[in-house]
Amino acid sequence: MLENVEAIFGLHVSHNVHVESMASRSDLVLAACGFFDAVISGKGGHVALPQHSIDPILAASNVIVSLQQLVCREANPLDSHVVTVGKFRGGGAFNVIIDSVTIRGTFRAFSKQSFLRIKQRIEEVITLQASIKRCNATVQFINPFYPVTANDKDLHKHFQNVAGDMVGAQNIKDMPLIMGAEDFSIFEEAIPRYFFFLGMKDETKEHLKPRHSPLLYCH
């Protein structure tokens, strides 16, 4: 499919970059990204008899707090990481201790070494914290992982020249590093690639909603 293709370019709209402007940077642009599901299993029962149950909600709550400490207490403060649990599913009644809880989250880093280290620690923290509360836990990492998005340095010069001719050199902006991620980065090992952002911000219009908002519109 990529035979005889010399390079590939990708773009994303940005609500932080002014309309008629483009933004990018050489080398690192976006983080590597992975996803995980975990099932934390206990023993269900009635809340009036907690001694006969093993509460997976309590265990999962401890897991989530401990996962946040991976960033604030184990990661180098100068090496950006993100660990977020964005989904927590369990329970349907206020007076029942349930059998299991499912959580889902994401983790991100700017280097392969940091990414793999945090991945290992996520599995360790989930299983060990669950066991402290007498629960069992299984962790599944969801493939594919997205590698770091890093722009080819020669293509960066090409982008500056071509985009500068299109919108003016004064409208080519430096993009700060962000912890977002792109499946576009999967092309990394196959072909030189370059990713940039197209500005959508316009102060004369209604405030632009962030990317991925259902209220986002493009001028």
N, C-alpha and C. Protein backbone atom coordinates (compact mmCIF):
# COMPACT_ATOMS: atom_id res chain seq x y z
N MET A 1 0.82 -1.21 0.00
CA MET A 1 0.00 0.00 0.00
C MET A 1 0.86 1.26 0.00
N LEU A 2 1.98 1.24 0.73
CA LEU A 2 2.86 2.41 0.83
C LEU A 2 4.05 2.32 -0.13
N GLU A 3 3.99 1.39 -1.04
CA GLU A 3 5.08 1.22 -1.99
C GLU A 3 5.23 2.47 -2.86
N ASN A 4 6.46 2.93 -3.01
CA ASN A 4 6.79 4.12 -3.80
C ASN A 4 6.27 5.42 -3.20
N VAL A 5 5.82 5.38 -1.94
CA VAL A 5 5.40 6.60 -1.25
C VAL A 5 6.59 7.13 -0.46
N GLU A 6 6.95 8.37 -0.68
CA GLU A 6 8.15 8.93 -0.06
C GLU A 6 7.89 9.51 1.33
N ALA A 7 6.68 10.01 1.56
CA ALA A 7 6.35 10.62 2.85
C ALA A 7 4.84 10.70 2.98
N ILE A 8 4.38 10.86 4.22
CA ILE A 8 2.95 10.98 4.47
C ILE A 8 2.71 12.13 5.44
N PHE A 9 1.61 12.87 5.20
CA PHE A 9 1.27 14.02 6.03
C PHE A 9 -0.12 13.82 6.63
N GLY A 10 -0.29 14.27 7.87
CA GLY A 10 -1.59 14.25 8.52
C GLY A 10 -1.86 15.59 9.18
N LEU A 11 -3.13 15.89 9.39
CA LEU A 11 -3.46 17.16 10.05
C LEU A 11 -4.66 16.98 10.96
N HIS A 12 -4.79 17.92 11.88
CA HIS A 12 -5.92 17.97 12.82
C HIS A 12 -6.30 19.43 12.98
N VAL A 13 -7.58 19.72 13.05
CA VAL A 13 -8.00 21.09 13.35
C VAL A 13 -7.68 21.40 14.80
N SER A 14 -7.48 22.68 15.10
CA SER A 14 -7.17 23.10 16.47
C SER A 14 -7.95 24.35 16.82
N HIS A 15 -8.64 24.30 17.97
CA HIS A 15 -9.38 25.47 18.44
C HIS A 15 -8.47 26.46 19.16
N ASN A 16 -7.20 26.11 19.34
CA ASN A 16 -6.25 27.02 20.00
C ASN A 16 -5.37 27.79 19.01
N VAL A 17 -5.44 27.45 17.74
CA VAL A 17 -4.63 28.10 16.72
C VAL A 17 -5.56 28.98 15.87
N HIS A 18 -5.12 30.20 15.60
CA HIS A 18 -5.95 31.14 14.87
C HIS A 18 -6.25 30.65 13.45
N VAL A 19 -7.46 30.96 13.01
CA VAL A 19 -7.86 30.62 11.65
C VAL A 19 -6.89 31.27 10.67
N GLU A 20 -6.63 30.61 9.56
CA GLU A 20 -5.67 31.03 8.54
C GLU A 20 -4.23 30.85 9.02
N SER A 21 -4.05 30.14 10.14
CA SER A 21 -2.71 29.80 10.61
C SER A 21 -2.57 28.29 10.68
N MET A 22 -1.33 27.83 10.66
CA MET A 22 -1.00 26.43 10.86
C MET A 22 0.07 26.34 11.94
N ALA A 23 0.11 25.20 12.63
CA ALA A 23 1.06 25.04 13.72
C ALA A 23 1.63 23.64 13.73
N SER A 24 2.90 23.55 14.04
CA SER A 24 3.54 22.25 14.18
C SER A 24 4.90 22.45 14.83
N ARG A 25 5.69 21.40 14.83
CA ARG A 25 7.03 21.47 15.42
C ARG A 25 7.85 20.31 14.88
N SER A 26 9.15 20.44 14.99
CA SER A 26 10.04 19.34 14.62
C SER A 26 10.13 18.35 15.77
N ASP A 27 10.37 17.09 15.43
CA ASP A 27 10.57 16.02 16.41
C ASP A 27 9.26 15.75 17.17
N LEU A 28 9.30 15.67 18.51
CA LEU A 28 8.13 15.25 19.29
C LEU A 28 6.95 16.21 19.12
N VAL A 29 5.77 15.63 18.90
CA VAL A 29 4.54 16.41 18.77
C VAL A 29 3.48 15.91 19.75
N LEU A 30 3.21 14.60 19.72
CA LEU A 30 2.16 13.99 20.54
C LEU A 30 2.71 12.76 21.26
N ALA A 31 2.04 12.38 22.32
CA ALA A 31 2.51 11.30 23.18
C ALA A 31 2.15 9.92 22.63
N ALA A 32 2.88 8.92 23.14
CA ALA A 32 2.45 7.53 22.95
C ALA A 32 1.25 7.28 23.86
N CYS A 33 0.37 6.38 23.43
CA CYS A 33 -0.89 6.20 24.14
C CYS A 33 -1.28 4.73 24.17
N GLY A 34 -1.71 4.28 25.35
CA GLY A 34 -2.24 2.93 25.50
C GLY A 34 -3.54 2.96 26.28
N PHE A 35 -4.25 1.84 26.24
CA PHE A 35 -5.55 1.74 26.90
C PHE A 35 -5.59 0.42 27.70
N PHE A 36 -6.33 0.43 28.79
CA PHE A 36 -6.44 -0.79 29.58
C PHE A 36 -7.86 -0.95 30.13
N ASP A 37 -8.25 -2.20 30.25
CA ASP A 37 -9.47 -2.60 30.95
C ASP A 37 -9.06 -3.45 32.15
N ALA A 38 -9.74 -3.28 33.27
CA ALA A 38 -9.49 -4.13 34.43
C ALA A 38 -10.81 -4.55 35.05
N VAL A 39 -10.90 -5.81 35.41
CA VAL A 39 -12.05 -6.33 36.14
C VAL A 39 -11.58 -6.70 37.55
N ILE A 40 -12.20 -6.09 38.53
CA ILE A 40 -11.86 -6.33 39.93
C ILE A 40 -13.02 -7.09 40.57
N SER A 41 -12.74 -8.29 41.01
CA SER A 41 -13.80 -9.20 41.47
C SER A 41 -13.71 -9.42 42.97
N GLY A 42 -14.87 -9.34 43.60
CA GLY A 42 -14.96 -9.61 45.03
C GLY A 42 -16.02 -10.67 45.30
N LYS A 43 -16.86 -10.38 46.28
CA LYS A 43 -17.95 -11.31 46.63
C LYS A 43 -19.16 -10.48 47.00
N GLY A 44 -20.23 -10.66 46.28
CA GLY A 44 -21.42 -9.87 46.47
C GLY A 44 -22.19 -10.23 47.74
N GLY A 45 -23.05 -9.31 48.13
CA GLY A 45 -23.88 -9.56 49.31
C GLY A 45 -24.69 -8.33 49.66
N HIS A 46 -25.29 -8.35 50.83
CA HIS A 46 -26.11 -7.23 51.29
C HIS A 46 -25.24 -6.28 52.11
N VAL A 47 -25.50 -4.97 51.95
CA VAL A 47 -24.68 -3.99 52.65
C VAL A 47 -24.83 -4.08 54.17
N ALA A 48 -25.93 -4.66 54.64
CA ALA A 48 -26.13 -4.79 56.08
C ALA A 48 -25.24 -5.87 56.69
N LEU A 49 -24.65 -6.72 55.81
CA LEU A 49 -23.80 -7.82 56.29
C LEU A 49 -22.46 -7.77 55.56
N PRO A 50 -21.70 -6.68 55.70
CA PRO A 50 -20.46 -6.53 54.94
C PRO A 50 -19.42 -7.59 55.30
N GLN A 51 -19.53 -8.19 56.48
CA GLN A 51 -18.55 -9.20 56.89
C GLN A 51 -18.64 -10.46 56.05
N HIS A 52 -19.75 -10.64 55.35
CA HIS A 52 -19.92 -11.82 54.50
C HIS A 52 -19.61 -11.50 53.02
N SER A 53 -19.16 -10.29 52.75
CA SER A 53 -18.90 -9.87 51.38
C SER A 53 -17.46 -9.39 51.24
N ILE A 54 -17.05 -9.23 50.01
CA ILE A 54 -15.76 -8.60 49.68
C ILE A 54 -16.07 -7.52 48.65
N ASP A 55 -15.88 -6.28 49.04
CA ASP A 55 -16.40 -5.15 48.28
C ASP A 55 -15.44 -4.72 47.16
N PRO A 56 -15.78 -4.98 45.88
CA PRO A 56 -14.88 -4.58 44.79
C PRO A 56 -14.91 -3.08 44.51
N ILE A 57 -15.97 -2.38 44.93
CA ILE A 57 -15.99 -0.93 44.73
C ILE A 57 -14.93 -0.26 45.61
N LEU A 58 -14.80 -0.72 46.83
CA LEU A 58 -13.76 -0.20 47.71
C LEU A 58 -12.38 -0.50 47.13
N ALA A 59 -12.18 -1.72 46.64
CA ALA A 59 -10.89 -2.09 46.06
C ALA A 59 -10.59 -1.25 44.82
N ALA A 60 -11.60 -1.07 43.96
CA ALA A 60 -11.39 -0.29 42.74
C ALA A 60 -11.09 1.17 43.05
N SER A 61 -11.71 1.69 44.10
CA SER A 61 -11.44 3.07 44.50
C SER A 61 -9.99 3.23 44.93
N ASN A 62 -9.48 2.26 45.69
CA ASN A 62 -8.08 2.30 46.10
C ASN A 62 -7.15 2.16 44.90
N VAL A 63 -7.54 1.33 43.95
CA VAL A 63 -6.75 1.16 42.73
C VAL A 63 -6.60 2.49 41.99
N ILE A 64 -7.71 3.22 41.83
CA ILE A 64 -7.68 4.47 41.08
C ILE A 64 -6.78 5.51 41.76
N VAL A 65 -6.89 5.62 43.08
CA VAL A 65 -6.04 6.56 43.81
C VAL A 65 -4.56 6.17 43.65
N SER A 66 -4.27 4.89 43.74
CA SER A 66 -2.88 4.43 43.63
C SER A 66 -2.34 4.64 42.22
N LEU A 67 -3.18 4.49 41.22
CA LEU A 67 -2.72 4.73 39.84
C LEU A 67 -2.30 6.18 39.65
N GLN A 68 -3.00 7.12 40.29
CA GLN A 68 -2.62 8.52 40.16
C GLN A 68 -1.25 8.79 40.78
N GLN A 69 -0.89 8.01 41.77
CA GLN A 69 0.41 8.19 42.43
C GLN A 69 1.57 7.72 41.56
N LEU A 70 1.28 6.94 40.53
CA LEU A 70 2.35 6.57 39.58
C LEU A 70 2.94 7.80 38.92
N VAL A 71 2.10 8.79 38.66
CA VAL A 71 2.57 10.01 38.00
C VAL A 71 3.24 10.94 39.00
N CYS A 72 2.60 11.16 40.15
CA CYS A 72 3.10 12.18 41.07
C CYS A 72 4.23 11.69 41.96
N ARG A 73 4.44 10.35 42.07
CA ARG A 73 5.46 9.86 42.98
C ARG A 73 6.47 8.90 42.35
N GLU A 74 6.24 8.47 41.13
CA GLU A 74 7.19 7.54 40.50
C GLU A 74 7.79 8.08 39.21
N ALA A 75 7.08 8.96 38.53
CA ALA A 75 7.58 9.49 37.26
C ALA A 75 8.45 10.72 37.50
N ASN A 76 9.46 10.86 36.69
CA ASN A 76 10.28 12.07 36.71
C ASN A 76 9.39 13.28 36.39
N PRO A 77 9.38 14.30 37.24
CA PRO A 77 8.52 15.46 36.97
C PRO A 77 8.82 16.14 35.64
N LEU A 78 10.04 15.93 35.11
CA LEU A 78 10.41 16.54 33.83
C LEU A 78 10.10 15.64 32.65
N ASP A 79 9.55 14.46 32.93
CA ASP A 79 9.17 13.51 31.88
C ASP A 79 7.66 13.30 31.98
N SER A 80 6.93 13.97 31.13
CA SER A 80 5.46 14.02 31.27
C SER A 80 4.81 12.65 31.11
N HIS A 81 3.87 12.37 32.01
CA HIS A 81 3.07 11.15 31.97
C HIS A 81 1.60 11.53 32.22
N VAL A 82 0.72 10.68 31.73
CA VAL A 82 -0.70 10.76 32.07
C VAL A 82 -1.20 9.35 32.36
N VAL A 83 -1.90 9.19 33.47
CA VAL A 83 -2.66 7.97 33.75
C VAL A 83 -4.04 8.41 34.21
N THR A 84 -5.05 8.02 33.47
CA THR A 84 -6.42 8.43 33.79
C THR A 84 -7.37 7.25 33.68
N VAL A 85 -8.18 7.06 34.70
CA VAL A 85 -9.31 6.12 34.64
C VAL A 85 -10.54 6.94 34.31
N GLY A 86 -11.09 6.73 33.13
CA GLY A 86 -12.22 7.52 32.68
C GLY A 86 -13.55 6.78 32.71
N LYS A 87 -13.49 5.48 33.02
CA LYS A 87 -14.73 4.70 33.05
C LYS A 87 -14.72 3.79 34.27
N PHE A 88 -15.84 3.81 35.00
CA PHE A 88 -16.02 2.99 36.21
C PHE A 88 -17.43 2.42 36.13
N ARG A 89 -17.52 1.10 35.99
CA ARG A 89 -18.85 0.49 35.87
C ARG A 89 -19.02 -0.59 36.94
N GLY A 90 -20.05 -0.41 37.74
CA GLY A 90 -20.33 -1.39 38.78
C GLY A 90 -21.47 -0.95 39.67
N GLY A 91 -22.30 -1.87 40.00
CA GLY A 91 -23.40 -1.57 40.92
C GLY A 91 -24.63 -1.05 40.23
N GLY A 92 -25.77 -1.37 40.85
CA GLY A 92 -27.04 -0.89 40.32
C GLY A 92 -28.05 -0.62 41.42
N ALA A 93 -27.66 -0.92 42.66
CA ALA A 93 -28.56 -0.72 43.79
C ALA A 93 -27.75 -0.20 44.98
N PHE A 94 -28.35 0.69 45.76
CA PHE A 94 -27.63 1.32 46.88
C PHE A 94 -27.38 0.37 48.04
N ASN A 95 -28.14 -0.72 48.10
CA ASN A 95 -28.06 -1.61 49.27
C ASN A 95 -27.46 -2.97 48.93
N VAL A 96 -26.70 -3.03 47.86
CA VAL A 96 -26.10 -4.30 47.42
C VAL A 96 -24.59 -4.11 47.23
N ILE A 97 -23.80 -4.99 47.79
CA ILE A 97 -22.39 -5.08 47.46
C ILE A 97 -22.27 -6.01 46.26
N ILE A 98 -21.71 -5.51 45.20
CA ILE A 98 -21.71 -6.24 43.93
C ILE A 98 -20.55 -7.22 43.87
N ASP A 99 -20.57 -8.06 42.84
CA ASP A 99 -19.53 -9.07 42.66
C ASP A 99 -18.27 -8.51 42.01
N SER A 100 -18.44 -7.55 41.07
CA SER A 100 -17.26 -7.09 40.34
C SER A 100 -17.45 -5.67 39.82
N VAL A 101 -16.32 -5.04 39.55
CA VAL A 101 -16.28 -3.69 38.99
C VAL A 101 -15.36 -3.73 37.77
N THR A 102 -15.73 -2.97 36.74
CA THR A 102 -14.87 -2.82 35.56
C THR A 102 -14.42 -1.37 35.45
N ILE A 103 -13.14 -1.17 35.28
CA ILE A 103 -12.61 0.17 35.04
C ILE A 103 -11.87 0.17 33.71
N ARG A 104 -11.84 1.33 33.08
CA ARG A 104 -11.09 1.48 31.82
C ARG A 104 -10.32 2.79 31.87
N GLY A 105 -9.11 2.76 31.36
CA GLY A 105 -8.30 3.98 31.41
C GLY A 105 -7.31 4.07 30.29
N THR A 106 -6.55 5.15 30.31
CA THR A 106 -5.51 5.41 29.32
C THR A 106 -4.24 5.84 30.02
N PHE A 107 -3.12 5.59 29.37
CA PHE A 107 -1.82 6.04 29.88
C PHE A 107 -0.99 6.57 28.72
N ARG A 108 -0.19 7.60 29.01
CA ARG A 108 0.53 8.29 27.95
C ARG A 108 1.91 8.73 28.43
N ALA A 109 2.86 8.77 27.51
CA ALA A 109 4.21 9.23 27.82
C ALA A 109 4.89 9.63 26.52
N PHE A 110 6.01 10.34 26.65
CA PHE A 110 6.71 10.85 25.47
C PHE A 110 7.91 10.00 25.06
N SER A 111 8.19 8.93 25.79
CA SER A 111 9.28 8.05 25.38
C SER A 111 8.82 6.60 25.50
N LYS A 112 9.40 5.74 24.67
CA LYS A 112 9.03 4.33 24.69
C LYS A 112 9.38 3.70 26.02
N GLN A 113 10.54 4.06 26.58
CA GLN A 113 10.96 3.51 27.86
C GLN A 113 9.98 3.87 28.98
N SER A 114 9.59 5.14 29.04
CA SER A 114 8.63 5.57 30.07
C SER A 114 7.28 4.91 29.86
N PHE A 115 6.89 4.78 28.61
CA PHE A 115 5.59 4.17 28.28
C PHE A 115 5.54 2.72 28.76
N LEU A 116 6.57 1.95 28.47
CA LEU A 116 6.59 0.54 28.86
C LEU A 116 6.69 0.38 30.38
N ARG A 117 7.43 1.29 31.04
CA ARG A 117 7.54 1.22 32.48
C ARG A 117 6.19 1.48 33.15
N ILE A 118 5.47 2.50 32.68
CA ILE A 118 4.19 2.83 33.30
C ILE A 118 3.16 1.74 33.01
N LYS A 119 3.26 1.11 31.84
CA LYS A 119 2.38 0.00 31.51
C LYS A 119 2.57 -1.15 32.50
N GLN A 120 3.82 -1.49 32.77
CA GLN A 120 4.11 -2.55 33.74
C GLN A 120 3.58 -2.21 35.12
N ARG A 121 3.79 -0.97 35.54
CA ARG A 121 3.36 -0.57 36.88
C ARG A 121 1.84 -0.51 37.01
N ILE A 122 1.15 -0.17 35.94
CA ILE A 122 -0.32 -0.16 35.98
C ILE A 122 -0.85 -1.55 36.31
N GLU A 123 -0.31 -2.57 35.64
CA GLU A 123 -0.77 -3.93 35.91
C GLU A 123 -0.43 -4.34 37.34
N GLU A 124 0.78 -4.00 37.79
CA GLU A 124 1.17 -4.36 39.16
C GLU A 124 0.28 -3.68 40.19
N VAL A 125 0.05 -2.40 40.02
CA VAL A 125 -0.76 -1.65 41.00
C VAL A 125 -2.18 -2.18 41.05
N ILE A 126 -2.78 -2.45 39.91
CA ILE A 126 -4.16 -2.92 39.90
C ILE A 126 -4.28 -4.27 40.60
N THR A 127 -3.42 -5.22 40.24
CA THR A 127 -3.54 -6.56 40.83
C THR A 127 -3.18 -6.57 42.31
N LEU A 128 -2.14 -5.84 42.69
CA LEU A 128 -1.71 -5.87 44.09
C LEU A 128 -2.65 -5.07 45.00
N GLN A 129 -3.11 -3.92 44.54
CA GLN A 129 -4.05 -3.15 45.35
C GLN A 129 -5.36 -3.90 45.53
N ALA A 130 -5.79 -4.60 44.48
CA ALA A 130 -7.02 -5.39 44.62
C ALA A 130 -6.84 -6.49 45.66
N SER A 131 -5.67 -7.12 45.65
CA SER A 131 -5.44 -8.22 46.59
C SER A 131 -5.41 -7.74 48.04
N ILE A 132 -4.94 -6.50 48.26
CA ILE A 132 -4.94 -5.94 49.61
C ILE A 132 -6.36 -5.92 50.18
N LYS A 133 -7.34 -5.69 49.32
CA LYS A 133 -8.74 -5.66 49.74
C LYS A 133 -9.43 -7.01 49.51
N ARG A 134 -8.62 -8.08 49.38
CA ARG A 134 -9.11 -9.47 49.25
C ARG A 134 -9.84 -9.71 47.94
N CYS A 135 -9.59 -8.89 46.94
CA CYS A 135 -10.20 -9.07 45.63
C CYS A 135 -9.19 -9.62 44.63
N ASN A 136 -9.71 -10.15 43.54
CA ASN A 136 -8.89 -10.56 42.41
C ASN A 136 -9.04 -9.55 41.29
N ALA A 137 -8.01 -9.40 40.47
CA ALA A 137 -8.08 -8.45 39.37
C ALA A 137 -7.42 -9.04 38.13
N THR A 138 -8.03 -8.79 36.99
CA THR A 138 -7.42 -9.12 35.70
C THR A 138 -7.29 -7.83 34.91
N VAL A 139 -6.18 -7.68 34.22
CA VAL A 139 -5.90 -6.47 33.44
C VAL A 139 -5.67 -6.86 31.99
N GLN A 140 -6.34 -6.16 31.10
CA GLN A 140 -6.16 -6.39 29.67
C GLN A 140 -5.77 -5.08 29.01
N PHE A 141 -4.66 -5.09 28.29
CA PHE A 141 -4.25 -3.93 27.51
C PHE A 141 -4.78 -4.06 26.10
N ILE A 142 -5.34 -2.99 25.61
CA ILE A 142 -6.08 -3.01 24.35
C ILE A 142 -5.16 -2.57 23.22
N ASN A 143 -4.95 -3.44 22.26
CA ASN A 143 -4.12 -3.12 21.11
C ASN A 143 -4.94 -2.50 20.00
N PRO A 144 -4.33 -1.67 19.13
CA PRO A 144 -2.90 -1.36 19.16
C PRO A 144 -2.59 -0.18 20.07
N PHE A 145 -1.36 -0.12 20.55
CA PHE A 145 -0.88 1.09 21.20
C PHE A 145 -0.47 2.09 20.12
N TYR A 146 -0.63 3.36 20.42
CA TYR A 146 -0.19 4.40 19.49
C TYR A 146 1.21 4.85 19.88
N PRO A 147 2.18 4.76 18.98
CA PRO A 147 3.53 5.26 19.31
C PRO A 147 3.54 6.78 19.44
N VAL A 148 4.66 7.29 19.91
CA VAL A 148 4.87 8.74 19.93
C VAL A 148 4.77 9.29 18.51
N THR A 149 4.13 10.44 18.36
CA THR A 149 4.13 11.14 17.08
C THR A 149 5.30 12.11 17.07
N ALA A 150 6.27 11.85 16.21
CA ALA A 150 7.47 12.69 16.11
C ALA A 150 7.69 13.05 14.65
N ASN A 151 7.78 14.32 14.36
CA ASN A 151 7.90 14.78 12.99
C ASN A 151 9.32 14.66 12.46
N ASP A 152 9.41 14.23 11.22
CA ASP A 152 10.68 14.16 10.52
C ASP A 152 11.26 15.58 10.36
N LYS A 153 12.54 15.75 10.69
CA LYS A 153 13.14 17.08 10.69
C LYS A 153 13.22 17.68 9.29
N ASP A 154 13.52 16.85 8.30
CA ASP A 154 13.57 17.36 6.92
C ASP A 154 12.17 17.75 6.43
N LEU A 155 11.17 16.96 6.80
CA LEU A 155 9.80 17.30 6.40
C LEU A 155 9.31 18.56 7.12
N HIS A 156 9.86 18.83 8.31
CA HIS A 156 9.49 20.07 9.00
C HIS A 156 9.91 21.29 8.17
N LYS A 157 11.10 21.25 7.61
CA LYS A 157 11.55 22.34 6.75
C LYS A 157 10.66 22.45 5.51
N HIS A 158 10.29 21.29 4.96
CA HIS A 158 9.40 21.28 3.79
C HIS A 158 8.05 21.88 4.13
N PHE A 159 7.50 21.51 5.31
CA PHE A 159 6.23 22.06 5.75
C PHE A 159 6.30 23.57 5.89
N GLN A 160 7.35 24.07 6.51
CA GLN A 160 7.49 25.51 6.71
C GLN A 160 7.52 26.25 5.38
N ASN A 161 8.21 25.67 4.41
CA ASN A 161 8.30 26.33 3.10
C ASN A 161 6.95 26.32 2.37
N VAL A 162 6.31 25.16 2.31
CA VAL A 162 5.06 25.03 1.56
C VAL A 162 3.93 25.77 2.27
N ALA A 163 3.78 25.55 3.57
CA ALA A 163 2.71 26.22 4.32
C ALA A 163 2.94 27.72 4.36
N GLY A 164 4.21 28.13 4.45
CA GLY A 164 4.51 29.56 4.43
C GLY A 164 4.09 30.22 3.14
N ASP A 165 4.26 29.52 2.03
CA ASP A 165 3.81 30.05 0.73
C ASP A 165 2.29 30.15 0.68
N MET A 166 1.59 29.26 1.37
CA MET A 166 0.13 29.23 1.33
C MET A 166 -0.51 30.29 2.21
N VAL A 167 -0.03 30.42 3.44
CA VAL A 167 -0.70 31.31 4.40
C VAL A 167 0.20 32.42 4.92
N GLY A 168 1.45 32.45 4.47
CA GLY A 168 2.39 33.47 4.94
C GLY A 168 3.24 32.93 6.08
N ALA A 169 4.53 33.22 6.01
CA ALA A 169 5.44 32.70 7.03
C ALA A 169 5.06 33.16 8.43
N GLN A 170 4.46 34.35 8.53
CA GLN A 170 4.08 34.88 9.85
C GLN A 170 2.93 34.08 10.47
N ASN A 171 2.26 33.28 9.68
CA ASN A 171 1.13 32.49 10.18
C ASN A 171 1.49 31.03 10.43
N ILE A 172 2.76 30.72 10.38
CA ILE A 172 3.23 29.39 10.75
C ILE A 172 3.70 29.45 12.20
N LYS A 173 3.01 28.76 13.08
CA LYS A 173 3.24 28.86 14.52
C LYS A 173 3.91 27.60 15.06
N ASP A 174 4.61 27.78 16.17
CA ASP A 174 5.18 26.64 16.89
C ASP A 174 4.11 26.02 17.77
N MET A 175 3.94 24.72 17.65
CA MET A 175 2.93 24.01 18.43
C MET A 175 3.56 23.48 19.71
N PRO A 176 3.01 23.79 20.88
CA PRO A 176 3.57 23.22 22.10
C PRO A 176 3.29 21.72 22.18
N LEU A 177 4.11 21.01 22.93
CA LEU A 177 3.86 19.59 23.16
C LEU A 177 2.53 19.41 23.88
N ILE A 178 1.77 18.43 23.46
CA ILE A 178 0.53 18.09 24.15
C ILE A 178 0.46 16.57 24.31
N MET A 179 -0.31 16.12 25.29
CA MET A 179 -0.37 14.71 25.61
C MET A 179 -1.43 13.96 24.81
N GLY A 180 -1.96 14.61 23.80
CA GLY A 180 -2.84 13.92 22.87
C GLY A 180 -2.07 12.84 22.12
N ALA A 181 -2.78 12.01 21.38
CA ALA A 181 -2.15 10.91 20.64
C ALA A 181 -2.86 10.73 19.31
N GLU A 182 -2.17 10.11 18.37
CA GLU A 182 -2.71 9.92 17.02
C GLU A 182 -2.38 8.53 16.50
N ASP A 183 -3.39 7.85 15.94
CA ASP A 183 -3.11 6.59 15.27
C ASP A 183 -2.26 6.81 14.02
N PHE A 184 -2.19 8.05 13.54
CA PHE A 184 -1.31 8.40 12.43
C PHE A 184 0.13 7.97 12.72
N SER A 185 0.51 7.94 14.00
CA SER A 185 1.88 7.62 14.38
C SER A 185 2.26 6.18 14.07
N ILE A 186 1.27 5.33 13.79
CA ILE A 186 1.55 3.93 13.48
C ILE A 186 2.39 3.82 12.21
N PHE A 187 2.33 4.85 11.35
CA PHE A 187 3.15 4.85 10.14
C PHE A 187 4.63 5.05 10.44
N GLU A 188 4.97 5.31 11.71
CA GLU A 188 6.32 5.73 12.09
C GLU A 188 7.41 4.84 11.53
N GLU A 189 7.26 3.55 11.67
CA GLU A 189 8.32 2.64 11.28
C GLU A 189 8.31 2.32 9.79
N ALA A 190 7.27 2.75 9.09
CA ALA A 190 7.15 2.39 7.68
C ALA A 190 7.58 3.49 6.73
N ILE A 191 7.44 4.75 7.15
CA ILE A 191 7.62 5.83 6.18
C ILE A 191 7.84 7.15 6.92
N PRO A 192 8.64 8.07 6.38
CA PRO A 192 8.76 9.40 6.99
C PRO A 192 7.41 10.08 7.03
N ARG A 193 7.09 10.74 8.16
CA ARG A 193 5.75 11.33 8.28
C ARG A 193 5.83 12.67 8.98
N TYR A 194 4.71 13.40 8.82
CA TYR A 194 4.66 14.75 9.39
C TYR A 194 3.22 15.06 9.75
N PHE A 195 3.04 15.63 10.95
CA PHE A 195 1.70 15.94 11.44
C PHE A 195 1.65 17.41 11.84
N PHE A 196 0.55 18.07 11.45
CA PHE A 196 0.42 19.49 11.78
C PHE A 196 -1.03 19.83 12.12
N PHE A 197 -1.24 21.07 12.57
CA PHE A 197 -2.56 21.51 13.03
C PHE A 197 -3.02 22.70 12.21
N LEU A 198 -4.29 22.67 11.84
CA LEU A 198 -4.91 23.74 11.06
C LEU A 198 -5.78 24.58 11.99
N GLY A 199 -5.52 25.89 12.03
CA GLY A 199 -6.20 26.75 12.98
C GLY A 199 -7.67 26.96 12.68
N MET A 200 -8.48 26.97 13.74
CA MET A 200 -9.92 27.21 13.64
C MET A 200 -10.38 28.36 14.54
N LYS A 201 -9.48 28.94 15.33
CA LYS A 201 -9.86 29.97 16.30
C LYS A 201 -10.11 31.29 15.60
N ASP A 202 -11.28 31.90 15.86
CA ASP A 202 -11.65 33.17 15.24
C ASP A 202 -12.41 34.00 16.26
N GLU A 203 -11.77 35.07 16.76
CA GLU A 203 -12.38 35.89 17.81
C GLU A 203 -13.64 36.63 17.35
N THR A 204 -13.84 36.73 16.03
CA THR A 204 -15.04 37.42 15.53
C THR A 204 -16.26 36.51 15.54
N LYS A 205 -16.03 35.23 15.80
CA LYS A 205 -17.13 34.26 15.82
C LYS A 205 -17.40 33.82 17.26
N GLU A 206 -18.47 33.08 17.40
CA GLU A 206 -18.79 32.49 18.71
C GLU A 206 -17.63 31.62 19.18
N HIS A 207 -17.43 31.57 20.51
CA HIS A 207 -16.32 30.79 21.07
C HIS A 207 -16.34 29.36 20.53
N LEU A 208 -15.19 28.94 20.01
CA LEU A 208 -15.08 27.62 19.41
C LEU A 208 -14.93 26.55 20.48
N LYS A 209 -15.72 25.50 20.36
CA LYS A 209 -15.66 24.41 21.33
C LYS A 209 -14.40 23.56 21.09
N PRO A 210 -13.92 22.86 22.11
CA PRO A 210 -12.71 22.05 21.95
C PRO A 210 -12.90 20.91 20.96
N ARG A 211 -11.75 20.37 20.51
CA ARG A 211 -11.80 19.18 19.66
C ARG A 211 -12.58 18.06 20.34
N HIS A 212 -13.29 17.29 19.54
CA HIS A 212 -14.08 16.15 19.98
C HIS A 212 -15.35 16.55 20.73
N SER A 213 -15.61 17.84 20.86
CA SER A 213 -16.89 18.26 21.42
C SER A 213 -17.98 18.07 20.37
N PRO A 214 -19.17 17.61 20.75
CA PRO A 214 -20.25 17.50 19.77
C PRO A 214 -20.72 18.86 19.27
N LEU A 215 -20.31 19.94 19.93
CA LEU A 215 -20.71 21.29 19.54
C LEU A 215 -19.66 21.99 18.68
N LEU A 216 -18.57 21.28 18.34
CA LEU A 216 -17.53 21.87 17.50
C LEU A 216 -18.05 22.09 16.09
N TYR A 217 -17.76 23.27 15.54
CA TYR A 217 -18.03 23.51 14.14
C TYR A 217 -16.82 24.18 13.52
N CYS A 218 -16.66 23.99 12.23
CA CYS A 218 -15.51 24.54 11.51
C CYS A 218 -15.95 25.73 10.68
N HIS A 219 -15.15 26.81 10.75
CA HIS A 219 -15.48 28.01 9.99
C HIS A 219 -15.27 27.76 8.50
